[in-house]
Structure formats: structure tokens, C-alpha cells
N, C-alpha and C. Protein backbone atom coordinates (compact mmCIF):
# COMPACT_ATOMS: atom_id res chain seq x y z
N MET A 1 0.82 -1.16 0.00
CA MET A 1 0.00 0.00 0.00
C MET A 1 0.88 1.25 0.00
N ALA A 2 0.70 2.06 -0.98
CA ALA A 2 1.47 3.29 -1.09
C ALA A 2 0.92 4.34 -0.15
N ARG A 3 1.81 4.99 0.51
CA ARG A 3 1.39 6.01 1.48
C ARG A 3 1.63 7.37 0.87
N THR A 4 0.66 8.22 0.88
CA THR A 4 0.82 9.56 0.33
C THR A 4 1.00 10.55 1.46
N ILE A 5 1.85 11.52 1.22
CA ILE A 5 2.12 12.56 2.22
C ILE A 5 1.41 13.82 1.76
N LYS A 6 0.63 14.36 2.62
CA LYS A 6 -0.09 15.58 2.30
C LYS A 6 0.90 16.74 2.24
N ALA A 7 0.55 17.78 1.53
CA ALA A 7 1.41 18.95 1.35
C ALA A 7 1.74 19.61 2.68
N GLU A 8 0.77 19.67 3.60
CA GLU A 8 1.00 20.29 4.90
C GLU A 8 2.02 19.49 5.71
N LYS A 9 1.90 18.19 5.68
CA LYS A 9 2.84 17.33 6.41
C LYS A 9 4.24 17.42 5.79
N ALA A 10 4.35 17.47 4.48
CA ALA A 10 5.63 17.61 3.79
C ALA A 10 6.29 18.94 4.15
N GLN A 11 5.48 19.99 4.27
CA GLN A 11 6.02 21.30 4.65
C GLN A 11 6.56 21.26 6.07
N LYS A 12 5.86 20.60 6.99
CA LYS A 12 6.33 20.48 8.38
C LYS A 12 7.64 19.68 8.45
N ILE A 13 7.70 18.59 7.67
CA ILE A 13 8.93 17.78 7.65
C ILE A 13 10.09 18.59 7.08
N ASN A 14 9.81 19.34 6.03
CA ASN A 14 10.83 20.18 5.42
C ASN A 14 11.32 21.24 6.41
N LEU A 15 10.41 21.85 7.16
CA LEU A 15 10.76 22.85 8.17
C LEU A 15 11.62 22.23 9.27
N MET A 16 11.22 21.04 9.74
CA MET A 16 12.00 20.37 10.79
C MET A 16 13.40 20.01 10.29
N LEU A 17 13.47 19.57 9.04
CA LEU A 17 14.77 19.23 8.46
C LEU A 17 15.66 20.46 8.34
N SER A 18 15.10 21.57 7.89
CA SER A 18 15.90 22.79 7.77
C SER A 18 16.34 23.30 9.15
N GLN A 19 15.49 23.16 10.17
CA GLN A 19 15.88 23.55 11.53
C GLN A 19 17.01 22.67 12.06
N ALA A 20 16.96 21.38 11.74
CA ALA A 20 18.02 20.47 12.18
C ALA A 20 19.34 20.82 11.50
N VAL A 21 19.29 21.13 10.20
CA VAL A 21 20.51 21.52 9.48
C VAL A 21 21.07 22.82 10.04
N THR A 22 20.19 23.77 10.32
CA THR A 22 20.62 25.05 10.90
C THR A 22 21.27 24.83 12.25
N ALA A 23 20.68 23.98 13.09
CA ALA A 23 21.25 23.69 14.40
C ALA A 23 22.62 23.04 14.27
N MET A 24 22.79 22.15 13.29
CA MET A 24 24.10 21.52 13.07
C MET A 24 25.13 22.56 12.63
N ARG A 25 24.73 23.49 11.78
CA ARG A 25 25.66 24.54 11.35
C ARG A 25 26.06 25.44 12.51
N VAL A 26 25.09 25.77 13.37
CA VAL A 26 25.39 26.59 14.55
C VAL A 26 26.36 25.85 15.46
N ASN A 27 26.14 24.55 15.67
CA ASN A 27 27.04 23.76 16.52
C ASN A 27 28.43 23.70 15.92
N GLU A 28 28.51 23.54 14.60
CA GLU A 28 29.82 23.52 13.94
C GLU A 28 30.54 24.85 14.13
N ARG A 29 29.81 25.93 13.96
CA ARG A 29 30.38 27.27 14.12
C ARG A 29 30.86 27.49 15.55
N LEU A 30 30.04 27.07 16.51
CA LEU A 30 30.39 27.20 17.92
C LEU A 30 31.62 26.37 18.26
N LEU A 31 31.68 25.16 17.73
CA LEU A 31 32.84 24.29 17.97
C LEU A 31 34.11 24.91 17.40
N CYS A 32 34.03 25.49 16.21
CA CYS A 32 35.20 26.15 15.61
C CYS A 32 35.67 27.32 16.47
N GLU A 33 34.72 28.11 16.97
CA GLU A 33 35.08 29.24 17.83
C GLU A 33 35.72 28.76 19.13
N LEU A 34 35.18 27.69 19.70
CA LEU A 34 35.75 27.14 20.94
C LEU A 34 37.16 26.61 20.71
N LEU A 35 37.37 25.94 19.59
CA LEU A 35 38.71 25.44 19.28
C LEU A 35 39.69 26.59 19.07
N ARG A 36 39.25 27.65 18.40
CA ARG A 36 40.13 28.80 18.21
C ARG A 36 40.45 29.46 19.55
N TRP A 37 39.44 29.55 20.44
CA TRP A 37 39.66 30.13 21.75
C TRP A 37 40.64 29.27 22.54
N THR A 38 40.50 27.94 22.45
CA THR A 38 41.42 27.04 23.15
C THR A 38 42.84 27.24 22.65
N ASP A 39 43.06 27.35 21.32
CA ASP A 39 44.39 27.59 20.79
C ASP A 39 44.96 28.90 21.30
N SER A 40 44.11 29.96 21.37
CA SER A 40 44.62 31.24 21.84
C SER A 40 44.96 31.17 23.33
N MET A 41 44.18 30.41 24.11
CA MET A 41 44.50 30.26 25.52
C MET A 41 45.80 29.49 25.69
N THR A 42 46.02 28.48 24.86
CA THR A 42 47.27 27.73 24.91
C THR A 42 48.43 28.65 24.58
N SER A 43 48.26 29.48 23.57
CA SER A 43 49.31 30.44 23.20
C SER A 43 49.54 31.44 24.33
N LEU A 44 48.45 31.88 24.95
CA LEU A 44 48.56 32.83 26.05
C LEU A 44 49.33 32.22 27.22
N ILE A 45 49.01 30.97 27.55
CA ILE A 45 49.70 30.29 28.65
C ILE A 45 51.18 30.11 28.31
N ALA A 46 51.47 29.70 27.07
CA ALA A 46 52.87 29.52 26.66
C ALA A 46 53.62 30.84 26.71
N THR A 47 52.99 31.92 26.28
CA THR A 47 53.62 33.24 26.33
C THR A 47 53.88 33.64 27.77
N HIS A 48 52.91 33.41 28.64
CA HIS A 48 53.08 33.74 30.06
C HIS A 48 54.24 32.96 30.67
N GLU A 49 54.32 31.67 30.36
CA GLU A 49 55.42 30.86 30.89
C GLU A 49 56.77 31.33 30.35
N ALA A 50 56.83 31.72 29.09
CA ALA A 50 58.08 32.22 28.52
C ALA A 50 58.49 33.52 29.19
N LEU A 51 57.53 34.40 29.44
CA LEU A 51 57.85 35.66 30.12
C LEU A 51 58.30 35.42 31.56
N GLU A 52 57.69 34.45 32.24
CA GLU A 52 58.14 34.10 33.58
C GLU A 52 59.57 33.59 33.56
N TYR A 53 59.88 32.73 32.59
CA TYR A 53 61.24 32.20 32.46
C TYR A 53 62.23 33.34 32.24
N LEU A 54 61.89 34.27 31.34
CA LEU A 54 62.79 35.40 31.09
C LEU A 54 62.95 36.27 32.32
N HIS A 55 61.87 36.44 33.09
CA HIS A 55 61.96 37.24 34.31
C HIS A 55 62.90 36.58 35.32
N HIS A 56 62.80 35.26 35.50
CA HIS A 56 63.69 34.55 36.42
C HIS A 56 65.14 34.56 35.91
N LEU A 57 65.31 34.43 34.61
CA LEU A 57 66.64 34.50 34.02
C LEU A 57 67.26 35.88 34.24
N ALA A 58 66.46 36.92 34.06
CA ALA A 58 66.96 38.28 34.30
C ALA A 58 67.33 38.48 35.76
N ALA A 59 66.55 37.90 36.66
CA ALA A 59 66.85 38.00 38.09
C ALA A 59 68.16 37.29 38.41
N GLU A 60 68.38 36.11 37.81
CA GLU A 60 69.65 35.40 38.01
C GLU A 60 70.83 36.21 37.49
N ILE A 61 70.66 36.76 36.30
CA ILE A 61 71.74 37.55 35.71
C ILE A 61 72.02 38.78 36.57
N HIS A 62 70.97 39.39 37.07
CA HIS A 62 71.13 40.57 37.93
C HIS A 62 71.85 40.21 39.22
N GLU A 63 71.53 39.06 39.80
CA GLU A 63 72.15 38.64 41.06
C GLU A 63 73.63 38.31 40.87
N THR A 64 73.97 37.63 39.81
CA THR A 64 75.36 37.22 39.63
C THR A 64 76.22 38.36 39.11
N GLY A 65 75.61 39.32 38.43
CA GLY A 65 76.37 40.46 37.93
C GLY A 65 77.33 40.09 36.81
N THR A 66 77.10 39.01 36.09
CA THR A 66 78.02 38.59 35.05
C THR A 66 77.75 39.26 33.71
N ASN A 67 76.69 40.04 33.62
CA ASN A 67 76.34 40.64 32.35
C ASN A 67 76.60 42.15 32.35
N GLY A 68 77.74 42.57 32.85
CA GLY A 68 78.07 43.99 32.84
C GLY A 68 77.37 44.71 33.97
N PRO A 69 77.08 46.00 33.77
CA PRO A 69 76.43 46.77 34.81
C PRO A 69 75.03 46.24 35.09
N ALA A 70 74.62 46.28 36.36
CA ALA A 70 73.33 45.75 36.76
C ALA A 70 72.21 46.62 36.23
N ALA A 71 71.14 46.01 35.83
CA ALA A 71 69.98 46.75 35.34
C ALA A 71 69.22 47.33 36.52
N GLU A 72 68.60 48.49 36.31
CA GLU A 72 67.83 49.10 37.39
C GLU A 72 66.60 48.27 37.72
N ASN A 73 65.98 47.70 36.71
CA ASN A 73 64.79 46.89 36.91
C ASN A 73 65.17 45.43 36.71
N VAL A 74 64.67 44.53 37.59
CA VAL A 74 65.02 43.12 37.50
C VAL A 74 64.51 42.53 36.19
N GLY A 75 63.38 42.99 35.68
CA GLY A 75 62.82 42.47 34.45
C GLY A 75 63.52 42.96 33.21
N GLU A 76 64.47 43.86 33.35
CA GLU A 76 65.17 44.43 32.20
C GLU A 76 66.51 43.74 32.02
N VAL A 77 66.75 43.24 30.85
CA VAL A 77 68.01 42.57 30.55
C VAL A 77 68.73 43.40 29.50
N GLN A 78 69.98 43.75 29.79
CA GLN A 78 70.75 44.53 28.83
C GLN A 78 71.39 43.59 27.82
N ALA A 79 71.37 44.02 26.57
CA ALA A 79 71.99 43.21 25.53
C ALA A 79 73.51 43.32 25.66
N PRO A 80 74.22 42.22 25.49
CA PRO A 80 75.68 42.28 25.57
C PRO A 80 76.23 43.09 24.40
N SER A 81 77.32 43.78 24.66
CA SER A 81 77.92 44.57 23.59
C SER A 81 78.59 43.64 22.59
N PRO A 82 78.59 44.00 21.31
CA PRO A 82 79.19 43.12 20.31
C PRO A 82 80.69 43.00 20.53
N SER A 83 81.23 41.81 20.26
CA SER A 83 82.64 41.56 20.51
C SER A 83 83.50 41.87 19.28
N TYR A 84 82.88 42.19 18.16
CA TYR A 84 83.65 42.48 16.95
C TYR A 84 83.88 43.99 16.85
N PRO A 85 85.02 44.42 16.29
CA PRO A 85 85.26 45.85 16.15
C PRO A 85 84.40 46.45 15.06
N ARG A 86 83.89 47.65 15.31
CA ARG A 86 83.08 48.32 14.29
C ARG A 86 83.99 49.08 13.35
N SER A 87 83.67 49.00 12.10
CA SER A 87 84.44 49.75 11.13
C SER A 87 83.91 51.17 11.04
N ALA A 88 84.66 52.06 10.47
CA ALA A 88 84.26 53.46 10.37
C ALA A 88 83.04 53.62 9.46
N SER A 89 82.83 52.73 8.53
CA SER A 89 81.69 52.85 7.63
C SER A 89 80.38 52.48 8.31
N MET A 90 80.41 51.78 9.43
CA MET A 90 79.19 51.38 10.11
C MET A 90 78.68 52.46 11.04
N THR A 91 79.48 53.47 11.35
CA THR A 91 79.04 54.49 12.30
C THR A 91 78.34 55.62 11.64
């Protein structure tokens, strides 16, 4: 026995199907945003840890005094002076 679907019922099924597809697209979009946020948080944490490491390294260098004159701020690291002689054309 063949079953016929009335136009009203087909319209309701079509509406439900389009709502389901829309919900899936929203979930996909939300998931992509969450993944991007997670990557940025990972980058933020890695950057914070790198800055902490540099701060502790600067404190060690400041304490030992092996890098020339001591910096006024512990977080400030002075670049070592170049060991090669500068030529007159570079000045």
C-alpha cells in the first residue's frame, strides 16, 4: 500500500529538516570558535610561561652580575655589547 504525504505534512517535515541543518551549522560554528579560543588560551599560557622564564633569568643575571652593569629593573636585561670591532663605515 502506497502512502501519500499531504502537502502540509511535507512542509512540516521540510521545516524540521531545515531547523536540524541550521542547528548543526550553529554547533559547527560554535565548535570552531571554541577550538580557536582554546588555541589562543594555549598560546597565552605559553607566552606567560616564557615571560616568567625570562623574568627569572633576568633576576639570576642581575644577582650574579656577570652581564656587565646591573639593570635598574630586574625584568630588564641589557643586551651584551658586540665583541667584533666596528668599522668606520658602520658608524
